[in-house]
């Protein structure tokens, strides 16, 4: 069985409050993480082949850090603690998971992707709504691995991950998700640039 099998079937699940507490339970190490949900961000997602446990469905997986560059540049200093915490409290500019969730939940949460500050694309004060939604519905598990990039291809090949885009064109939700993200990006470019989000509304 592959190293990452326990990510889906055996690893402990944590919620947003647990991850953002101190000391953080997520190790500051390289590894693989999976995102589980008790509510789907879109009714169009076919979860019949997805991993499920305890009323939750696995929809997305990621690695940190990415593969070291081959051109001599310094490798990424990221790790799963930094990435998981950012997914839970950052913004859509730096988190493809948050960009995806915001795009799919834009009508339900009444949010839109916007150009903010220097022109970075995220959901401005709508990021707080994404935080609240993830606080209620998004859970994470992980396994450490010294070279997580060697597992990345296997994750897509062996598991149905509707919210992953890279290398996942075979997934039935890929076209729908791509369009949702594209529509949000196009809409943002038609709207004026906003100032930084500031404090929570």
N, C-alpha and C. Protein backbone atom coordinates (compact mmCIF):
# COMPACT_ATOMS: atom_id res chain seq x y z
N UNK A 1 0.85 -1.20 0.00
CA UNK A 1 0.00 0.00 0.00
C UNK A 1 0.89 1.24 0.00
N UNK A 2 0.52 2.27 -0.73
CA UNK A 2 1.32 3.48 -0.85
C UNK A 2 1.38 4.25 0.47
N UNK A 3 2.45 5.07 0.61
CA UNK A 3 2.69 5.81 1.85
C UNK A 3 1.52 6.68 2.26
N UNK A 4 0.80 7.24 1.27
CA UNK A 4 -0.22 8.23 1.58
C UNK A 4 -1.58 7.62 1.86
N UNK A 5 -1.66 6.28 1.91
CA UNK A 5 -2.97 5.65 2.10
C UNK A 5 -3.62 6.11 3.40
N UNK A 6 -2.82 6.25 4.46
CA UNK A 6 -3.39 6.63 5.76
C UNK A 6 -3.98 8.03 5.74
N UNK A 7 -3.58 8.86 4.79
CA UNK A 7 -4.15 10.20 4.69
C UNK A 7 -5.65 10.13 4.52
N UNK A 8 -6.10 9.10 3.82
CA UNK A 8 -7.51 9.02 3.49
C UNK A 8 -8.30 8.13 4.44
N UNK A 9 -7.66 7.10 4.95
CA UNK A 9 -8.42 6.12 5.71
C UNK A 9 -8.06 6.05 7.19
N UNK A 10 -6.90 6.53 7.57
CA UNK A 10 -6.50 6.34 8.96
C UNK A 10 -6.12 7.58 9.73
N UNK A 11 -5.73 8.65 9.03
CA UNK A 11 -5.22 9.83 9.72
C UNK A 11 -6.33 10.56 10.47
N UNK A 12 -5.95 11.18 11.57
CA UNK A 12 -6.91 11.96 12.36
C UNK A 12 -7.33 13.20 11.59
N UNK A 13 -8.59 13.60 11.77
CA UNK A 13 -9.12 14.80 11.14
C UNK A 13 -9.12 15.95 12.13
N UNK A 14 -8.83 17.15 11.62
CA UNK A 14 -8.81 18.35 12.44
C UNK A 14 -9.69 19.42 11.81
N UNK A 15 -10.30 20.26 12.66
CA UNK A 15 -11.10 21.37 12.14
C UNK A 15 -10.29 22.66 12.19
N UNK A 16 -10.91 23.74 11.73
CA UNK A 16 -10.21 25.02 11.63
C UNK A 16 -9.73 25.53 12.99
N UNK A 17 -10.59 25.45 13.99
CA UNK A 17 -10.21 25.93 15.32
C UNK A 17 -9.00 25.18 15.85
N UNK A 18 -8.97 23.88 15.67
CA UNK A 18 -7.86 23.07 16.16
C UNK A 18 -6.56 23.41 15.44
N UNK A 19 -6.64 23.61 14.13
CA UNK A 19 -5.44 23.91 13.35
C UNK A 19 -4.87 25.28 13.70
N UNK A 20 -5.75 26.26 13.96
CA UNK A 20 -5.30 27.62 14.21
C UNK A 20 -4.96 27.88 15.68
N UNK A 21 -5.13 26.89 16.53
CA UNK A 21 -4.76 27.07 17.93
C UNK A 21 -3.24 26.97 18.08
N UNK A 22 -2.74 27.36 19.22
CA UNK A 22 -1.30 27.22 19.51
C UNK A 22 -1.14 26.46 20.81
N UNK A 23 -0.26 25.46 20.85
CA UNK A 23 0.58 25.03 19.73
C UNK A 23 -0.23 24.35 18.63
N UNK A 24 0.17 24.59 17.39
CA UNK A 24 -0.53 24.01 16.24
C UNK A 24 -0.25 22.52 16.16
N UNK A 25 -1.29 21.70 15.93
CA UNK A 25 -1.08 20.26 15.85
C UNK A 25 -0.41 19.81 14.56
N UNK A 26 -0.39 20.68 13.54
CA UNK A 26 0.21 20.29 12.26
C UNK A 26 1.72 20.43 12.35
N UNK A 27 2.48 19.40 12.03
CA UNK A 27 3.93 19.51 12.11
C UNK A 27 4.49 20.42 11.03
N UNK A 28 5.56 21.13 11.34
CA UNK A 28 6.22 22.00 10.37
C UNK A 28 7.19 21.16 9.54
N UNK A 29 6.60 20.26 8.76
CA UNK A 29 7.38 19.29 7.98
C UNK A 29 6.78 19.15 6.59
N UNK A 30 7.53 18.59 5.65
CA UNK A 30 6.96 18.32 4.33
C UNK A 30 5.96 17.18 4.42
N UNK A 31 4.98 17.20 3.52
CA UNK A 31 3.99 16.13 3.55
C UNK A 31 2.85 16.35 2.58
N UNK A 32 1.82 15.55 2.77
CA UNK A 32 0.62 15.55 1.93
C UNK A 32 -0.58 15.79 2.83
N UNK A 33 -1.57 16.57 2.34
CA UNK A 33 -2.75 16.80 3.14
C UNK A 33 -4.01 16.61 2.31
N UNK A 34 -5.09 16.22 2.98
CA UNK A 34 -6.37 16.01 2.31
C UNK A 34 -7.46 16.83 2.99
N UNK A 35 -8.40 17.36 2.17
CA UNK A 35 -9.49 18.19 2.69
C UNK A 35 -10.80 17.44 2.56
N UNK A 36 -11.48 17.31 3.68
CA UNK A 36 -12.74 16.58 3.80
C UNK A 36 -13.86 17.56 4.13
N UNK A 37 -15.05 17.30 3.62
CA UNK A 37 -16.17 18.23 3.78
C UNK A 37 -17.44 17.48 4.19
N UNK A 38 -18.21 18.11 5.09
CA UNK A 38 -19.51 17.53 5.45
C UNK A 38 -20.64 18.17 4.65
N UNK A 39 -20.29 19.15 3.81
CA UNK A 39 -21.25 19.77 2.90
C UNK A 39 -20.53 20.09 1.60
N UNK A 40 -21.15 19.76 0.47
CA UNK A 40 -20.50 20.00 -0.82
C UNK A 40 -20.61 21.48 -1.19
N UNK A 41 -19.54 22.06 -1.76
CA UNK A 41 -19.62 23.45 -2.21
C UNK A 41 -20.39 23.61 -3.52
N UNK A 42 -20.75 22.49 -4.15
CA UNK A 42 -21.56 22.53 -5.37
C UNK A 42 -22.36 21.25 -5.48
N UNK A 43 -23.63 21.39 -5.84
CA UNK A 43 -24.49 20.20 -6.00
C UNK A 43 -24.13 19.41 -7.25
N UNK A 44 -23.29 19.97 -8.12
CA UNK A 44 -22.90 19.29 -9.35
C UNK A 44 -21.78 18.28 -9.16
N UNK A 45 -21.20 18.22 -7.98
CA UNK A 45 -20.07 17.31 -7.75
C UNK A 45 -20.58 15.88 -7.58
N UNK A 46 -20.06 14.98 -8.39
CA UNK A 46 -20.38 13.56 -8.28
C UNK A 46 -19.39 12.93 -7.30
N UNK A 47 -19.86 12.51 -6.15
CA UNK A 47 -18.98 11.96 -5.12
C UNK A 47 -19.04 10.44 -5.03
N UNK A 48 -19.63 9.80 -6.04
CA UNK A 48 -19.84 8.36 -5.96
C UNK A 48 -18.53 7.58 -5.83
N UNK A 49 -17.43 8.11 -6.38
CA UNK A 49 -16.14 7.42 -6.30
C UNK A 49 -15.19 8.07 -5.31
N UNK A 50 -15.66 9.04 -4.55
CA UNK A 50 -14.79 9.74 -3.59
C UNK A 50 -14.63 8.93 -2.31
N UNK A 51 -13.52 9.14 -1.62
CA UNK A 51 -13.32 8.54 -0.31
C UNK A 51 -14.26 9.21 0.69
N UNK A 52 -14.85 8.40 1.57
CA UNK A 52 -15.77 8.93 2.58
C UNK A 52 -15.47 8.31 3.94
N UNK A 53 -15.71 9.09 4.98
CA UNK A 53 -15.57 8.58 6.34
C UNK A 53 -16.30 9.50 7.30
N UNK A 54 -16.99 8.94 8.25
CA UNK A 54 -17.63 9.70 9.33
C UNK A 54 -18.50 10.84 8.81
N UNK A 55 -19.21 10.62 7.70
CA UNK A 55 -20.07 11.65 7.16
C UNK A 55 -19.35 12.71 6.37
N UNK A 56 -18.06 12.53 6.11
CA UNK A 56 -17.25 13.50 5.37
C UNK A 56 -16.80 12.91 4.04
N UNK A 57 -16.57 13.80 3.07
CA UNK A 57 -16.13 13.37 1.73
C UNK A 57 -14.83 14.06 1.40
N UNK A 58 -13.85 13.29 0.92
CA UNK A 58 -12.58 13.84 0.50
C UNK A 58 -12.72 14.45 -0.89
N UNK A 59 -12.43 15.76 -1.02
CA UNK A 59 -12.60 16.45 -2.29
C UNK A 59 -11.32 17.05 -2.85
N UNK A 60 -10.29 17.22 -2.04
CA UNK A 60 -9.09 17.92 -2.49
C UNK A 60 -7.88 17.42 -1.73
N UNK A 61 -6.75 17.35 -2.41
CA UNK A 61 -5.49 16.98 -1.75
C UNK A 61 -4.39 17.88 -2.28
N UNK A 62 -3.38 18.12 -1.44
CA UNK A 62 -2.26 18.95 -1.83
C UNK A 62 -0.98 18.48 -1.18
N UNK A 63 0.14 19.06 -1.63
CA UNK A 63 1.44 18.74 -1.06
C UNK A 63 2.14 20.04 -0.66
N UNK A 64 3.10 19.92 0.22
CA UNK A 64 3.95 21.06 0.56
C UNK A 64 5.25 20.51 1.15
N UNK A 65 6.41 20.96 0.66
CA UNK A 65 6.56 21.94 -0.41
C UNK A 65 6.41 21.30 -1.78
N UNK A 66 6.46 22.14 -2.82
CA UNK A 66 6.45 21.63 -4.18
C UNK A 66 7.84 21.09 -4.53
N UNK A 67 7.94 20.46 -5.68
CA UNK A 67 9.22 19.90 -6.11
C UNK A 67 10.29 20.99 -6.21
N UNK A 68 11.50 20.75 -5.71
CA UNK A 68 12.56 21.76 -5.80
C UNK A 68 12.84 22.12 -7.25
N UNK A 69 13.11 23.38 -7.55
CA UNK A 69 13.38 23.79 -8.92
C UNK A 69 14.67 23.16 -9.45
N UNK A 70 14.70 22.92 -10.75
CA UNK A 70 15.85 22.28 -11.37
C UNK A 70 16.86 23.30 -11.92
N UNK A 71 16.54 24.60 -11.76
CA UNK A 71 17.39 25.63 -12.36
C UNK A 71 18.36 26.27 -11.37
N UNK A 72 18.52 25.64 -10.22
CA UNK A 72 19.47 26.16 -9.24
C UNK A 72 18.88 27.13 -8.23
N UNK A 73 17.62 27.52 -8.42
CA UNK A 73 16.99 28.42 -7.46
C UNK A 73 16.77 27.70 -6.13
N UNK A 74 16.63 28.49 -5.07
CA UNK A 74 16.45 27.92 -3.74
C UNK A 74 15.12 27.18 -3.66
N UNK A 75 15.08 26.04 -2.98
CA UNK A 75 13.82 25.32 -2.83
C UNK A 75 12.85 26.07 -1.94
N UNK A 76 11.58 25.74 -2.04
CA UNK A 76 10.54 26.36 -1.23
C UNK A 76 10.76 26.10 0.25
N UNK A 77 10.44 27.08 1.07
CA UNK A 77 10.52 26.92 2.53
C UNK A 77 9.17 26.56 3.13
N UNK A 78 8.22 26.22 2.27
CA UNK A 78 6.89 25.86 2.75
C UNK A 78 6.91 24.51 3.44
N UNK A 79 5.87 24.25 4.25
CA UNK A 79 5.66 22.95 4.84
C UNK A 79 4.15 22.80 5.06
N UNK A 80 3.71 21.65 5.51
CA UNK A 80 2.27 21.43 5.61
C UNK A 80 1.62 22.31 6.68
N UNK A 81 2.36 22.67 7.73
CA UNK A 81 1.76 23.56 8.73
C UNK A 81 1.45 24.91 8.11
N UNK A 82 2.42 25.50 7.41
CA UNK A 82 2.20 26.80 6.79
C UNK A 82 1.07 26.75 5.77
N UNK A 83 1.03 25.71 4.94
CA UNK A 83 0.03 25.64 3.87
C UNK A 83 -1.36 25.42 4.43
N UNK A 84 -1.51 24.50 5.35
CA UNK A 84 -2.83 24.20 5.90
C UNK A 84 -3.38 25.42 6.64
N UNK A 85 -2.55 26.07 7.43
CA UNK A 85 -3.00 27.26 8.14
C UNK A 85 -3.38 28.36 7.16
N UNK A 86 -2.63 28.50 6.06
CA UNK A 86 -2.97 29.53 5.08
C UNK A 86 -4.29 29.21 4.39
N UNK A 87 -4.51 27.95 4.04
CA UNK A 87 -5.78 27.57 3.42
C UNK A 87 -6.95 27.94 4.33
N UNK A 88 -6.76 27.83 5.63
CA UNK A 88 -7.84 28.11 6.57
C UNK A 88 -8.03 29.61 6.85
N UNK A 89 -7.01 30.43 6.65
CA UNK A 89 -7.16 31.82 7.09
C UNK A 89 -6.56 32.85 6.12
N UNK A 90 -6.04 32.41 4.96
CA UNK A 90 -5.43 33.32 4.01
C UNK A 90 -6.45 33.92 3.06
N UNK A 91 -6.08 34.02 1.79
CA UNK A 91 -7.04 34.50 0.79
C UNK A 91 -6.85 33.75 -0.52
N UNK A 92 -7.74 34.00 -1.46
CA UNK A 92 -7.77 33.23 -2.70
C UNK A 92 -6.57 33.50 -3.59
N UNK A 93 -5.87 34.61 -3.37
CA UNK A 93 -4.68 34.88 -4.17
C UNK A 93 -3.60 33.84 -3.90
N UNK A 94 -3.47 33.43 -2.65
CA UNK A 94 -2.42 32.49 -2.27
C UNK A 94 -2.89 31.08 -2.03
N UNK A 95 -4.18 30.82 -2.21
CA UNK A 95 -4.74 29.49 -1.94
C UNK A 95 -5.69 29.09 -3.05
N UNK A 96 -5.29 28.13 -3.86
CA UNK A 96 -6.17 27.68 -4.94
C UNK A 96 -7.42 27.02 -4.37
N UNK A 97 -7.32 26.41 -3.18
CA UNK A 97 -8.50 25.82 -2.55
C UNK A 97 -9.51 26.91 -2.20
N UNK A 98 -9.06 28.02 -1.63
CA UNK A 98 -9.98 29.11 -1.29
C UNK A 98 -10.56 29.74 -2.56
N UNK A 99 -9.76 29.87 -3.62
CA UNK A 99 -10.25 30.39 -4.88
C UNK A 99 -11.37 29.49 -5.41
N UNK A 100 -11.15 28.19 -5.34
CA UNK A 100 -12.16 27.23 -5.79
C UNK A 100 -13.43 27.31 -4.95
N UNK A 101 -13.29 27.29 -3.63
CA UNK A 101 -14.47 27.34 -2.76
C UNK A 101 -15.25 28.63 -2.97
N UNK A 102 -14.54 29.76 -3.04
CA UNK A 102 -15.21 31.03 -3.25
C UNK A 102 -15.93 31.09 -4.58
N UNK A 103 -15.33 30.51 -5.62
CA UNK A 103 -15.95 30.50 -6.94
C UNK A 103 -17.23 29.67 -6.94
N UNK A 104 -17.20 28.53 -6.26
CA UNK A 104 -18.37 27.65 -6.24
C UNK A 104 -19.45 28.15 -5.29
N UNK A 105 -19.05 28.88 -4.27
CA UNK A 105 -20.01 29.33 -3.25
C UNK A 105 -20.38 30.81 -3.40
N UNK A 106 -20.00 31.42 -4.51
CA UNK A 106 -20.16 32.87 -4.66
C UNK A 106 -21.60 33.33 -4.48
N UNK A 107 -22.54 32.59 -5.05
CA UNK A 107 -23.94 32.99 -4.90
C UNK A 107 -24.44 32.73 -3.49
N UNK A 108 -24.13 31.56 -2.95
CA UNK A 108 -24.59 31.21 -1.60
C UNK A 108 -24.05 32.18 -0.56
N UNK A 109 -22.78 32.59 -0.71
CA UNK A 109 -22.15 33.47 0.27
C UNK A 109 -22.24 34.94 -0.12
N UNK A 110 -22.76 35.21 -1.31
CA UNK A 110 -22.89 36.58 -1.82
C UNK A 110 -21.53 37.27 -1.85
N UNK A 111 -20.57 36.64 -2.51
CA UNK A 111 -19.22 37.19 -2.63
C UNK A 111 -18.79 37.17 -4.09
N UNK A 112 -17.81 38.02 -4.42
CA UNK A 112 -17.26 38.07 -5.76
C UNK A 112 -15.75 38.23 -5.69
N UNK A 113 -15.06 37.61 -6.64
CA UNK A 113 -13.64 37.82 -6.76
C UNK A 113 -13.40 39.27 -7.19
N UNK A 114 -12.40 39.92 -6.59
CA UNK A 114 -12.11 41.31 -6.91
C UNK A 114 -10.60 41.52 -7.05
N UNK A 115 -10.22 42.58 -7.75
CA UNK A 115 -8.84 43.04 -7.75
C UNK A 115 -8.67 43.93 -6.52
N UNK A 116 -7.65 43.64 -5.73
CA UNK A 116 -7.49 44.32 -4.45
C UNK A 116 -6.07 44.88 -4.34
N UNK A 117 -5.95 46.12 -3.85
CA UNK A 117 -4.65 46.71 -3.61
C UNK A 117 -3.85 46.87 -4.89
N UNK A 118 -2.77 46.11 -5.01
CA UNK A 118 -1.90 46.17 -6.19
C UNK A 118 -2.49 45.43 -7.37
N UNK A 119 -3.69 44.88 -7.22
CA UNK A 119 -4.35 44.17 -8.31
C UNK A 119 -4.44 42.67 -8.08
N UNK A 120 -4.04 42.21 -6.91
CA UNK A 120 -4.16 40.78 -6.60
C UNK A 120 -5.63 40.37 -6.56
N UNK A 121 -5.90 39.18 -7.04
CA UNK A 121 -7.28 38.69 -7.10
C UNK A 121 -7.61 37.86 -5.87
N UNK A 122 -8.56 38.34 -5.09
CA UNK A 122 -9.14 37.52 -4.03
C UNK A 122 -10.54 38.05 -3.73
N UNK A 123 -11.19 37.51 -2.71
CA UNK A 123 -12.59 37.82 -2.47
C UNK A 123 -12.79 39.00 -1.50
N UNK A 124 -11.72 39.78 -1.27
CA UNK A 124 -11.81 40.98 -0.44
C UNK A 124 -12.44 40.62 0.91
N UNK A 125 -13.45 41.32 1.36
CA UNK A 125 -14.05 41.00 2.65
C UNK A 125 -14.87 39.71 2.59
N UNK A 126 -15.11 39.21 1.39
CA UNK A 126 -15.76 37.91 1.25
C UNK A 126 -14.90 36.76 1.76
N UNK A 127 -13.60 37.02 1.93
CA UNK A 127 -12.73 35.98 2.50
C UNK A 127 -13.19 35.58 3.91
N UNK A 128 -13.80 36.53 4.63
CA UNK A 128 -14.31 36.21 5.96
C UNK A 128 -15.45 35.20 5.87
N UNK A 129 -16.28 35.32 4.83
CA UNK A 129 -17.37 34.37 4.64
C UNK A 129 -16.82 32.98 4.32
N UNK A 130 -15.73 32.94 3.55
CA UNK A 130 -15.09 31.65 3.26
C UNK A 130 -14.53 31.06 4.55
N UNK A 131 -13.92 31.90 5.39
CA UNK A 131 -13.44 31.42 6.69
C UNK A 131 -14.57 30.76 7.48
N UNK A 132 -15.70 31.45 7.55
CA UNK A 132 -16.82 30.93 8.34
C UNK A 132 -17.34 29.62 7.76
N UNK A 133 -17.41 29.54 6.42
CA UNK A 133 -17.90 28.31 5.79
C UNK A 133 -16.94 27.17 6.06
N UNK A 134 -15.64 27.41 5.95
CA UNK A 134 -14.66 26.37 6.21
C UNK A 134 -14.67 25.97 7.68
N UNK A 135 -14.91 26.93 8.55
CA UNK A 135 -14.98 26.64 9.98
C UNK A 135 -16.07 25.61 10.28
N UNK A 136 -17.15 25.67 9.52
CA UNK A 136 -18.27 24.76 9.74
C UNK A 136 -18.14 23.45 8.96
N UNK A 137 -17.52 23.49 7.79
CA UNK A 137 -17.67 22.36 6.87
C UNK A 137 -16.37 21.72 6.38
N UNK A 138 -15.20 22.30 6.65
CA UNK A 138 -13.95 21.79 6.09
C UNK A 138 -13.04 21.21 7.18
N UNK A 139 -12.57 20.01 6.94
CA UNK A 139 -11.70 19.30 7.88
C UNK A 139 -10.47 18.81 7.13
N UNK A 140 -9.36 18.67 7.82
CA UNK A 140 -8.11 18.33 7.14
C UNK A 140 -7.40 17.18 7.86
N UNK A 141 -6.74 16.36 7.06
CA UNK A 141 -5.86 15.31 7.58
C UNK A 141 -4.54 15.40 6.82
N UNK A 142 -3.52 14.76 7.33
CA UNK A 142 -2.22 14.84 6.66
C UNK A 142 -1.34 13.66 7.04
N UNK A 143 -0.33 13.45 6.21
CA UNK A 143 0.78 12.56 6.54
C UNK A 143 2.06 13.26 6.14
N UNK A 144 3.11 13.08 6.91
CA UNK A 144 4.40 13.67 6.56
C UNK A 144 5.12 12.76 5.57
N UNK A 145 5.93 13.37 4.73
CA UNK A 145 6.74 12.62 3.76
C UNK A 145 7.90 13.52 3.35
N UNK A 146 9.12 13.00 3.32
CA UNK A 146 10.27 13.87 3.04
C UNK A 146 10.28 14.45 1.63
N UNK A 147 9.64 13.77 0.68
CA UNK A 147 9.58 14.25 -0.70
C UNK A 147 8.14 14.12 -1.21
N UNK A 148 7.24 14.98 -0.76
CA UNK A 148 5.82 14.80 -1.09
C UNK A 148 5.52 14.88 -2.58
N UNK A 149 6.37 15.55 -3.35
CA UNK A 149 6.12 15.68 -4.79
C UNK A 149 6.16 14.33 -5.51
N UNK A 150 6.81 13.32 -4.92
CA UNK A 150 6.83 12.01 -5.57
C UNK A 150 5.48 11.32 -5.45
N UNK A 151 4.63 11.80 -4.55
CA UNK A 151 3.30 11.22 -4.36
C UNK A 151 2.22 11.94 -5.15
N UNK A 152 2.53 13.14 -5.66
CA UNK A 152 1.51 14.01 -6.23
C UNK A 152 0.74 13.34 -7.37
N UNK A 153 1.47 12.71 -8.30
CA UNK A 153 0.80 12.06 -9.42
C UNK A 153 -0.09 10.92 -8.98
N UNK A 154 0.37 10.16 -7.98
CA UNK A 154 -0.43 9.03 -7.48
C UNK A 154 -1.74 9.50 -6.87
N UNK A 155 -1.72 10.65 -6.21
CA UNK A 155 -2.94 11.15 -5.58
C UNK A 155 -4.05 11.33 -6.61
N UNK A 156 -3.70 11.93 -7.75
CA UNK A 156 -4.68 12.18 -8.79
C UNK A 156 -5.10 10.90 -9.48
N UNK A 157 -4.15 9.99 -9.67
CA UNK A 157 -4.44 8.75 -10.39
C UNK A 157 -5.31 7.80 -9.56
N UNK A 158 -5.07 7.74 -8.27
CA UNK A 158 -5.71 6.71 -7.45
C UNK A 158 -6.97 7.17 -6.73
N UNK A 159 -7.17 8.48 -6.62
CA UNK A 159 -8.31 8.95 -5.85
C UNK A 159 -9.13 9.95 -6.66
N UNK A 160 -10.43 9.91 -6.46
CA UNK A 160 -11.32 10.86 -7.10
C UNK A 160 -11.31 12.14 -6.28
N UNK A 161 -10.72 13.21 -6.85
CA UNK A 161 -10.54 14.48 -6.13
C UNK A 161 -11.15 15.60 -6.97
N UNK A 162 -12.45 15.83 -6.86
CA UNK A 162 -13.15 16.77 -7.75
C UNK A 162 -12.64 18.21 -7.69
N UNK A 163 -12.05 18.64 -6.58
CA UNK A 163 -11.63 20.03 -6.48
C UNK A 163 -10.17 20.25 -6.91
N UNK A 164 -9.47 19.18 -7.29
CA UNK A 164 -8.13 19.33 -7.85
C UNK A 164 -8.23 19.57 -9.34
N UNK A 165 -7.46 20.53 -9.84
CA UNK A 165 -7.46 20.84 -11.27
C UNK A 165 -6.23 20.28 -11.99
N UNK A 166 -5.04 20.50 -11.44
CA UNK A 166 -3.81 20.12 -12.13
C UNK A 166 -3.75 18.61 -12.38
N UNK A 167 -3.60 18.23 -13.64
CA UNK A 167 -3.48 16.83 -14.00
C UNK A 167 -4.74 16.01 -13.79
N UNK A 168 -5.88 16.68 -13.68
CA UNK A 168 -7.11 15.99 -13.29
C UNK A 168 -8.24 16.20 -14.30
N UNK A 169 -7.89 16.35 -15.57
CA UNK A 169 -8.91 16.63 -16.59
C UNK A 169 -9.90 15.49 -16.75
N UNK A 170 -9.52 14.29 -16.34
CA UNK A 170 -10.44 13.16 -16.47
C UNK A 170 -11.61 13.25 -15.50
N UNK A 171 -11.48 14.07 -14.47
CA UNK A 171 -12.55 14.16 -13.48
C UNK A 171 -13.77 14.83 -14.08
N UNK A 172 -14.94 14.32 -13.78
CA UNK A 172 -16.18 14.82 -14.38
C UNK A 172 -16.49 16.25 -13.97
N UNK A 173 -15.90 16.73 -12.88
CA UNK A 173 -16.19 18.09 -12.40
C UNK A 173 -15.18 19.10 -12.92
N UNK A 174 -14.16 18.66 -13.61
CA UNK A 174 -13.06 19.54 -14.02
C UNK A 174 -13.54 20.72 -14.86
N UNK A 175 -14.36 20.46 -15.87
CA UNK A 175 -14.82 21.53 -16.76
C UNK A 175 -15.70 22.52 -16.01
N UNK A 176 -16.58 22.03 -15.14
CA UNK A 176 -17.46 22.89 -14.37
C UNK A 176 -16.65 23.80 -13.44
N UNK A 177 -15.66 23.23 -12.77
CA UNK A 177 -14.84 24.00 -11.85
C UNK A 177 -13.99 25.03 -12.61
N UNK A 178 -13.42 24.62 -13.72
CA UNK A 178 -12.62 25.54 -14.53
C UNK A 178 -13.44 26.74 -14.96
N UNK A 179 -14.68 26.51 -15.39
CA UNK A 179 -15.55 27.60 -15.83
C UNK A 179 -15.91 28.52 -14.66
N UNK A 180 -16.21 27.95 -13.51
CA UNK A 180 -16.58 28.77 -12.34
C UNK A 180 -15.43 29.70 -11.96
N UNK A 181 -14.22 29.20 -11.98
CA UNK A 181 -13.07 30.02 -11.64
C UNK A 181 -12.81 31.07 -12.71
N UNK A 182 -12.94 30.67 -13.97
CA UNK A 182 -12.74 31.59 -15.08
C UNK A 182 -13.76 32.73 -15.07
N UNK A 183 -15.01 32.38 -14.78
CA UNK A 183 -16.06 33.40 -14.71
C UNK A 183 -15.78 34.42 -13.60
N UNK A 184 -15.31 33.94 -12.46
CA UNK A 184 -14.98 34.84 -11.36
C UNK A 184 -13.82 35.76 -11.75
N UNK A 185 -12.82 35.20 -12.40
CA UNK A 185 -11.66 36.00 -12.80
C UNK A 185 -12.07 37.06 -13.82
N UNK A 186 -12.89 36.68 -14.79
CA UNK A 186 -13.34 37.64 -15.80
C UNK A 186 -14.18 38.75 -15.17
N UNK A 187 -15.04 38.38 -14.23
CA UNK A 187 -15.86 39.37 -13.56
C UNK A 187 -15.04 40.36 -12.77
N UNK A 188 -13.98 39.87 -12.12
CA UNK A 188 -13.13 40.74 -11.33
C UNK A 188 -12.41 41.77 -12.19
N UNK A 189 -12.02 41.37 -13.40
CA UNK A 189 -11.29 42.28 -14.28
C UNK A 189 -12.19 43.39 -14.82
N UNK A 190 -13.50 43.18 -14.75
CA UNK A 190 -14.45 44.21 -15.21
C UNK A 190 -14.83 45.19 -14.11
N UNK A 191 -14.37 44.94 -12.89
CA UNK A 191 -14.75 45.78 -11.75
C UNK A 191 -13.55 46.62 -11.30
N UNK A 192 -13.80 47.76 -10.65
CA UNK A 192 -12.69 48.60 -10.19
C UNK A 192 -11.87 47.92 -9.10
N UNK A 193 -10.62 48.36 -8.98
CA UNK A 193 -9.73 47.84 -7.95
C UNK A 193 -10.16 48.37 -6.58
N UNK A 194 -10.20 47.50 -5.59
CA UNK A 194 -10.56 47.88 -4.23
C UNK A 194 -9.31 48.08 -3.38
N UNK A 195 -9.47 48.81 -2.30
CA UNK A 195 -8.38 48.94 -1.34
C UNK A 195 -8.27 47.64 -0.55
N UNK A 196 -7.23 47.52 0.24
CA UNK A 196 -7.03 46.31 1.02
C UNK A 196 -8.24 46.03 1.91
N UNK A 197 -8.44 44.76 2.21
CA UNK A 197 -9.66 44.32 2.88
C UNK A 197 -9.85 44.94 4.26
N UNK A 198 -8.76 45.15 4.99
CA UNK A 198 -8.89 45.75 6.32
C UNK A 198 -9.47 44.79 7.34
N UNK A 199 -10.14 45.34 8.32
CA UNK A 199 -10.69 44.53 9.41
C UNK A 199 -11.95 43.81 8.98
N UNK A 200 -12.27 42.78 9.75
CA UNK A 200 -13.46 42.00 9.46
C UNK A 200 -14.71 42.87 9.57
N UNK A 201 -15.62 42.78 8.56
CA UNK A 201 -16.85 43.60 8.59
C UNK A 201 -17.76 43.17 9.73
